[in-house]
C-alpha atoms as a PDB file:
ATOM      1  CA  MET A   1       5.064  91.963 116.558  1.00  0.00           C
ATOM      2  CA  ASN A   2       1.904  90.369 117.851  1.00  0.00           C
ATOM      3  CA  VAL A   3      -1.464  92.107 118.063  1.00  0.00           C
ATOM      4  CA  ALA A   4      -1.416  92.100 121.880  1.00  0.00           C
ATOM      5  CA  SER A   5       1.816  94.125 121.892  1.00  0.00           C
ATOM      6  CA  ILE A   6       0.381  96.597 119.392  1.00  0.00           C
ATOM      7  CA  ASN A   7      -2.739  96.999 121.510  1.00  0.00           C
ATOM      8  CA  TYR A   8      -0.652  97.417 124.681  1.00  0.00           C
ATOM      9  CA  TYR A   9       1.632 100.154 123.302  1.00  0.00           C
ATOM     10  CA  PHE A  10      -0.616 101.868 120.760  1.00  0.00           C
ATOM     11  CA  GLY A  11      -4.195 100.879 121.546  1.00  0.00           C
ATOM     12  CA  ASP A  12      -4.827  99.453 118.068  1.00  0.00           C
ATOM     13  CA  LYS A  13      -3.309  99.110 114.589  1.00  0.00           C
ATOM     14  CA  GLN A  14      -4.729 102.462 113.496  1.00  0.00           C
ATOM     15  CA  ASN A  15      -2.881 104.281 116.279  1.00  0.00           C
ATOM     16  CA  LEU A  16       0.314 102.415 115.355  1.00  0.00           C
ATOM     17  CA  TYR A  17      -0.052 103.587 111.750  1.00  0.00           C
ATOM     18  CA  THR A  18      -0.740 107.174 112.880  1.00  0.00           C
ATOM     19  CA  GLU A  19       2.430 107.143 114.982  1.00  0.00           C
ATOM     20  CA  LEU A  20       4.366 105.828 111.995  1.00  0.00           C
ATOM     21  CA  VAL A  21       3.125 108.722 109.853  1.00  0.00           C
ATOM     22  CA  ARG A  22       4.008 111.132 112.667  1.00  0.00           C
ATOM     23  CA  HIS A  23       7.525 109.656 112.839  1.00  0.00           C
ATOM     24  CA  ALA A  24       7.857 110.161 109.056  1.00  0.00           C
ATOM     25  CA  GLN A  25       6.734 113.785 109.401  1.00  0.00           C
ATOM     26  CA  GLN A  26       9.210 114.506 112.189  1.00  0.00           C
ATOM     27  CA  LYS A  27      12.074 112.900 110.282  1.00  0.00           C
ATOM     28  CA  CYS A  28      11.375 114.957 107.136  1.00  0.00           C
ATOM     29  CA  GLU A  29      11.145 118.171 109.147  1.00  0.00           C
ATOM     30  CA  ALA A  30      14.338 117.382 111.095  1.00  0.00           C
ATOM     31  CA  GLN A  31      16.322 116.808 107.889  1.00  0.00           C
ATOM     32  CA  HIS A  32      15.143 120.061 106.300  1.00  0.00           C
ATOM     33  CA  PRO A  33      13.592 122.333 108.960  1.00  0.00           C
ATOM     34  CA  LEU A  34      11.598 125.402 108.049  1.00  0.00           C
ATOM     35  CA  PRO A  35      13.903 128.417 107.721  1.00  0.00           C
ATOM     36  CA  THR A  36      14.190 131.111 110.355  1.00  0.00           C
ATOM     37  CA  TRP A  37      14.867 134.717 109.401  1.00  0.00           C
ATOM     38  CA  SER A  38      16.146 137.959 110.766  1.00  0.00           C
ATOM     39  CA  SER A  39      14.103 141.146 110.513  1.00  0.00           C
ATOM     40  CA  GLU A  40      16.262 142.169 107.531  1.00  0.00           C
ATOM     41  CA  THR A  41      15.244 139.166 105.413  1.00  0.00           C
ATOM     42  CA  THR A  42      13.095 140.372 102.532  1.00  0.00           C
ATOM     43  CA  PRO A  43       9.722 138.767 101.765  1.00  0.00           C
ATOM     44  CA  GLU A  44      11.124 137.740  98.355  1.00  0.00           C
ATOM     45  CA  GLN A  45      14.006 135.874 100.018  1.00  0.00           C
ATOM     46  CA  ARG A  46      11.588 134.264 102.462  1.00  0.00           C
ATOM     47  CA  LEU A  47       9.442 132.987  99.601  1.00  0.00           C
ATOM     48  CA  PHE A  48      12.471 131.494  97.838  1.00  0.00           C
ATOM     49  CA  GLU A  49      13.732 129.794 101.008  1.00  0.00           C
ATOM     50  CA  LEU A  50      10.305 128.378 101.853  1.00  0.00           C
ATOM     51  CA  VAL A  51       9.962 126.910  98.371  1.00  0.00           C
ATOM     52  CA  ARG A  52      13.478 125.459  98.487  1.00  0.00           C
ATOM     53  CA  THR A  53      12.808 123.895 101.899  1.00  0.00           C
ATOM     54  CA  LEU A  54       9.610 122.231 100.737  1.00  0.00           C
ATOM     55  CA  LEU A  55      11.316 120.888  97.584  1.00  0.00           C
ATOM     56  CA  LEU A  56      14.049 119.426  99.790  1.00  0.00           C
ATOM     57  CA  GLN A  57      11.507 117.943 102.223  1.00  0.00           C
ATOM     58  CA  LEU A  58       9.697 116.345  99.275  1.00  0.00           C
ATOM     59  CA  SER A  59      13.019 114.845  98.122  1.00  0.00           C
ATOM     60  CA  VAL A  60      12.587 116.013  94.564  1.00  0.00           C
ATOM     61  CA  ALA A  61      16.332 115.662  94.082  1.00  0.00           C
ATOM     62  CA  ASP A  62      16.428 112.007  95.126  1.00  0.00           C
ATOM     63  CA  THR A  63      14.504 108.798  95.122  1.00  0.00           C
ATOM     64  CA  ALA A  64      11.967 109.455  97.839  1.00  0.00           C
ATOM     65  CA  PRO A  65      12.686 107.676 101.119  1.00  0.00           C
ATOM     66  CA  TRP A  66       9.856 105.738 102.723  1.00  0.00           C
ATOM     67  CA  GLU A  67       9.008 108.670 105.004  1.00  0.00           C
ATOM     68  CA  VAL A  68       8.248 110.980 102.060  1.00  0.00           C
ATOM     69  CA  GLN A  69       6.395 108.214 100.215  1.00  0.00           C
ATOM     70  CA  LEU A  70       4.221 107.607 103.267  1.00  0.00           C
ATOM     71  CA  LEU A  71       3.390 111.302 103.739  1.00  0.00           C
ATOM     72  CA  MET A  72       2.622 111.720 100.045  1.00  0.00           C
ATOM     73  CA  ARG A  73       0.369 108.655 100.185  1.00  0.00           C
ATOM     74  CA  GLU A  74      -1.579 110.391 102.937  1.00  0.00           C
ATOM     75  CA  VAL A  75      -1.899 113.485 100.749  1.00  0.00           C
ATOM     76  CA  LEU A  76      -3.255 111.447  97.837  1.00  0.00           C
ATOM     77  CA  TYR A  77      -5.204 108.790  99.734  1.00  0.00           C
ATOM     78  CA  PRO A  78      -6.005 110.112 103.219  1.00  0.00           C
ATOM     79  CA  THR A  79      -6.695 107.681 106.038  1.00  0.00           C
ATOM     80  CA  PRO A  80      -8.129 108.439 109.484  1.00  0.00           C
ATOM     81  CA  GLY A  81      -5.315 109.599 111.735  1.00  0.00           C
ATOM     82  CA  GLY A  82      -2.660 109.592 109.035  1.00  0.00           C
ATOM     83  CA  SER A  83      -4.280 112.433 107.095  1.00  0.00           C
ATOM     84  CA  GLN A  84      -4.362 114.543 110.273  1.00  0.00           C
ATOM     85  CA  VAL A  85      -0.590 114.199 110.603  1.00  0.00           C
ATOM     86  CA  ALA A  86      -0.097 115.049 106.904  1.00  0.00           C
ATOM     87  CA  ASP A  87      -2.301 118.101 107.411  1.00  0.00           C
ATOM     88  CA  GLU A  88      -0.122 119.180 110.338  1.00  0.00           C
ATOM     89  CA  TYR A  89       2.955 118.642 108.178  1.00  0.00           C
ATOM     90  CA  PHE A  90       1.727 121.052 105.514  1.00  0.00           C
ATOM     91  CA  SER A  91      -0.193 123.470 107.739  1.00  0.00           C
ATOM     92  CA  SER A  92       2.867 125.021 109.439  1.00  0.00           C
ATOM     93  CA  PHE A  93       4.506 125.502 106.041  1.00  0.00           C
ATOM     94  CA  PHE A  94       1.287 126.899 104.588  1.00  0.00           C
ATOM     95  CA  LYS A  95       0.803 129.406 107.407  1.00  0.00           C
ATOM     96  CA  ILE A  96       4.320 130.818 106.977  1.00  0.00           C
ATOM     97  CA  LEU A  97       3.874 130.828 103.200  1.00  0.00           C
ATOM     98  CA  LEU A  98       0.680 132.883 103.495  1.00  0.00           C
ATOM     99  CA  GLU A  99       2.428 135.348 105.806  1.00  0.00           C
ATOM    100  CA  SER A 100       5.185 135.764 103.205  1.00  0.00           C
ATOM    101  CA  ILE A 101       2.703 136.269 100.369  1.00  0.00           C
ATOM    102  CA  GLU A 102       0.742 138.768 102.454  1.00  0.00           C
ATOM    103  CA  ALA A 103       3.951 140.741 103.054  1.00  0.00           C
ATOM    104  CA  LEU A 104       4.522 140.852  99.278  1.00  0.00           C
ATOM    105  CA  SER A 105       0.990 141.900  98.388  1.00  0.00           C
ATOM    106  CA  PRO A 106       0.527 145.545  97.440  1.00  0.00           C
ATOM    107  CA  ALA A 107      -3.024 145.578  98.823  1.00  0.00           C
ATOM    108  CA  PRO A 108      -4.868 143.772 101.597  1.00  0.00           C
ATOM    109  CA  LEU A 109      -6.087 140.320 100.564  1.00  0.00           C
ATOM    110  CA  VAL A 110      -9.073 138.447 101.868  1.00  0.00           C
ATOM    111  CA  TYR A 111      -8.242 134.976 103.130  1.00  0.00           C
ATOM    112  CA  GLU A 112      -9.663 133.228 100.062  1.00  0.00           C
ATOM    113  CA  GLN A 113      -7.326 135.194  97.766  1.00  0.00           C
ATOM    114  CA  LEU A 114      -4.359 134.650 100.029  1.00  0.00           C
ATOM    115  CA  ALA A 115      -5.048 130.921 100.334  1.00  0.00           C
ATOM    116  CA  GLY A 116      -5.490 130.652  96.567  1.00  0.00           C
ATOM    117  CA  TYR A 117      -2.070 132.193  96.003  1.00  0.00           C
ATOM    118  CA  GLY A 118      -0.584 129.891  98.623  1.00  0.00           C
ATOM    119  CA  ILE A 119      -2.121 126.820  96.983  1.00  0.00           C
ATOM    120  CA  SER A 120      -0.670 127.947  93.649  1.00  0.00           C
ATOM    121  CA  VAL A 121       2.833 128.050  95.142  1.00  0.00           C
ATOM    122  CA  LEU A 122       2.337 124.739  96.964  1.00  0.00           C
ATOM    123  CA  SER A 123       1.040 122.999  93.835  1.00  0.00           C
ATOM    124  CA  GLN A 124       4.087 124.104  91.846  1.00  0.00           C
ATOM    125  CA  CYS A 125       6.263 122.334  94.422  1.00  0.00           C
ATOM    126  CA  LEU A 126       4.139 119.188  94.504  1.00  0.00           C
ATOM    127  CA  ILE A 127       4.251 118.672  90.733  1.00  0.00           C
ATOM    128  CA  TYR A 128       7.966 117.952  91.006  1.00  0.00           C
ATOM    129  CA  ARG A 129       7.254 115.129  93.458  1.00  0.00           C
ATOM    130  CA  TYR A 130       4.234 113.613  91.706  1.00  0.00           C
ATOM    131  CA  GLY A 131       4.926 114.343  88.068  1.00  0.00           C
ATOM    132  CA  TYR A 132       8.697 114.336  87.822  1.00  0.00           C
ATOM    133  CA  GLN A 133       8.929 111.483  85.312  1.00  0.00           C
ATOM    134  CA  THR A 134       6.435 113.185  83.007  1.00  0.00           C
ATOM    135  CA  LEU A 135       8.258 116.508  83.325  1.00  0.00           C
ATOM    136  CA  LEU A 136      11.497 114.710  82.523  1.00  0.00           C
ATOM    137  CA  GLN A 137       9.951 113.522  79.258  1.00  0.00           C
ATOM    138  CA  ILE A 138       8.522 116.874  78.153  1.00  0.00           C
ATOM    139  CA  ALA A 139      11.079 119.414  79.434  1.00  0.00           C
ATOM    140  CA  PRO A 140      14.223 117.742  80.803  1.00  0.00           C
ATOM    141  CA  SER A 141      16.531 120.747  80.406  1.00  0.00           C
ATOM    142  CA  SER A 142      14.271 122.910  82.599  1.00  0.00           C
ATOM    143  CA  LEU A 143      14.772 120.562  85.557  1.00  0.00           C
ATOM    144  CA  GLY A 144      18.538 120.415  85.784  1.00  0.00           C
ATOM    145  CA  GLU A 145      21.418 118.619  84.128  1.00  0.00           C
ATOM    146  CA  ASN A 146      21.503 114.945  83.099  1.00  0.00           C
ATOM    147  CA  GLY A 147      17.922 114.409  84.225  1.00  0.00           C
ATOM    148  CA  LYS A 148      18.726 115.266  87.838  1.00  0.00           C
ATOM    149  CA  PRO A 149      16.668 118.037  89.416  1.00  0.00           C
ATOM    150  CA  ASP A 150      18.472 121.174  90.493  1.00  0.00           C
ATOM    151  CA  VAL A 151      16.575 122.215  93.642  1.00  0.00           C
ATOM    152  CA  GLU A 152      18.112 125.711  93.700  1.00  0.00           C
ATOM    153  CA  ARG A 153      17.052 126.330  90.098  1.00  0.00           C
ATOM    154  CA  LEU A 154      13.544 124.938  90.634  1.00  0.00           C
ATOM    155  CA  ALA A 155      13.060 126.981  93.816  1.00  0.00           C
ATOM    156  CA  LYS A 156      14.211 130.130  92.035  1.00  0.00           C
ATOM    157  CA  GLN A 157      11.916 129.401  89.092  1.00  0.00           C
ATOM    158  CA  ILE A 158       8.845 128.847  91.328  1.00  0.00           C
ATOM    159  CA  ALA A 159       9.630 131.926  93.429  1.00  0.00           C
ATOM    160  CA  GLU A 160      10.181 134.130  90.351  1.00  0.00           C
ATOM    161  CA  PHE A 161       6.984 132.911  88.714  1.00  0.00           C
ATOM    162  CA  SER A 162       5.015 133.528  91.902  1.00  0.00           C
ATOM    163  CA  LEU A 163       6.576 136.957  92.391  1.00  0.00           C
ATOM    164  CA  ALA A 164       5.664 137.850  88.794  1.00  0.00           C
ATOM    165  CA  ALA A 165       2.055 136.906  89.512  1.00  0.00           C
ATOM    166  CA  ILE A 166       2.050 139.015  92.668  1.00  0.00           C
ATOM    167  CA  GLY A 167       3.707 141.782  90.637  1.00  0.00           C
ATOM    168  CA  GLY A 168       0.785 141.544  88.218  1.00  0.00           C
ATOM    169  CA  VAL A 169      -1.559 142.142  91.118  1.00  0.00           C
ATOM    170  CA  ARG A 170       0.631 145.052  92.193  1.00  0.00           C
ATOM    171  CA  ALA A 171       0.474 146.541  88.665  1.00  0.00           C
ATOM    172  CA  LYS A 172      -3.290 146.124  88.638  1.00  0.00           C
ATOM    173  CA  VAL A 173      -3.639 147.862  92.004  1.00  0.00           C
ATOM    174  CA  ASN A 174      -1.335 150.701  90.915  1.00  0.00           C
ATOM    175  CA  SER A 175      -3.292 151.104  87.688  1.00  0.00           C
ATOM    176  CA  ASN A 176      -6.573 151.296  89.574  1.00  0.00           C
ATOM    177  CA  HIS A 177      -5.152 153.902  92.006  1.00  0.00           C
ATOM    178  CA  SER A 178      -3.721 156.042  89.213  1.00  0.00           C
ATOM    179  CA  ASN A 179      -7.174 156.330  87.640  1.00  0.00           C
ATOM    180  CA  ASN A 180      -8.656 157.665  90.899  1.00  0.00           C
ATOM    181  CA  GLY A 181     -11.212 154.900  90.841  1.00  0.00           C
ATOM    182  CA  GLN A 182     -12.272 155.639  87.256  1.00  0.00           C
ATOM    183  CA  LYS A 183     -12.800 152.485  85.199  1.00  0.00           C
ATOM    184  CA  THR A 184     -11.117 152.606  81.812  1.00  0.00           C
ATOM    185  CA  VAL A 185     -11.447 150.178  78.940  1.00  0.00           C
ATOM    186  CA  LYS A 186      -7.960 148.899  79.729  1.00  0.00           C
ATOM    187  CA  SER A 187      -8.678 148.392  83.451  1.00  0.00           C
ATOM    188  CA  LEU A 188     -11.956 146.648  82.626  1.00  0.00           C
ATOM    189  CA  GLN A 189     -10.088 144.301  80.287  1.00  0.00           C
ATOM    190  CA  LEU A 190      -7.499 143.560  82.999  1.00  0.00           C
ATOM    191  CA  SER A 191     -10.168 142.850  85.609  1.00  0.00           C
ATOM    192  CA  ALA A 192     -11.959 140.498  83.191  1.00  0.00           C
ATOM    193  CA  LYS A 193      -8.830 138.402  82.754  1.00  0.00           C
END
């Protein structure tokens, strides 16, 4: 394609690249769309399904197609235009993830806490895309059988780990309420950790 055609259809090469990243985003989302739920779906089930969807979108079970590679490149090495699309790609997932975590929390969370928990869940998913070969060397049996990742198992593992952490917060809140606001040595030790 000559430069004149690029300029005619896209304005410049940067806009062409941005549209390519957008196409990659749309293709990944179309293959594995974000889940939809009924009012009966528990927050725990929502967390599991969100994690599983992201693992599938990141193609942890396969050699990543060019679309995933391009989006992940924008995560690691942002470019003008392309990084905006990558941000959009993760922002819808992140918003729903935070809503699910908030529903699981035993006490109101300020945004910084909620976002921190969300980033923890997100980072657990991303390690399987970026560090899979290393994980395969140090703990192959935890990933699946014959070196192939088991997305269901990994999603369950991430969800259970995250729920345990939220459960720890729940236990801490319950402990604080049971003491009627009185600080004990044990509660002080927990809050210091």
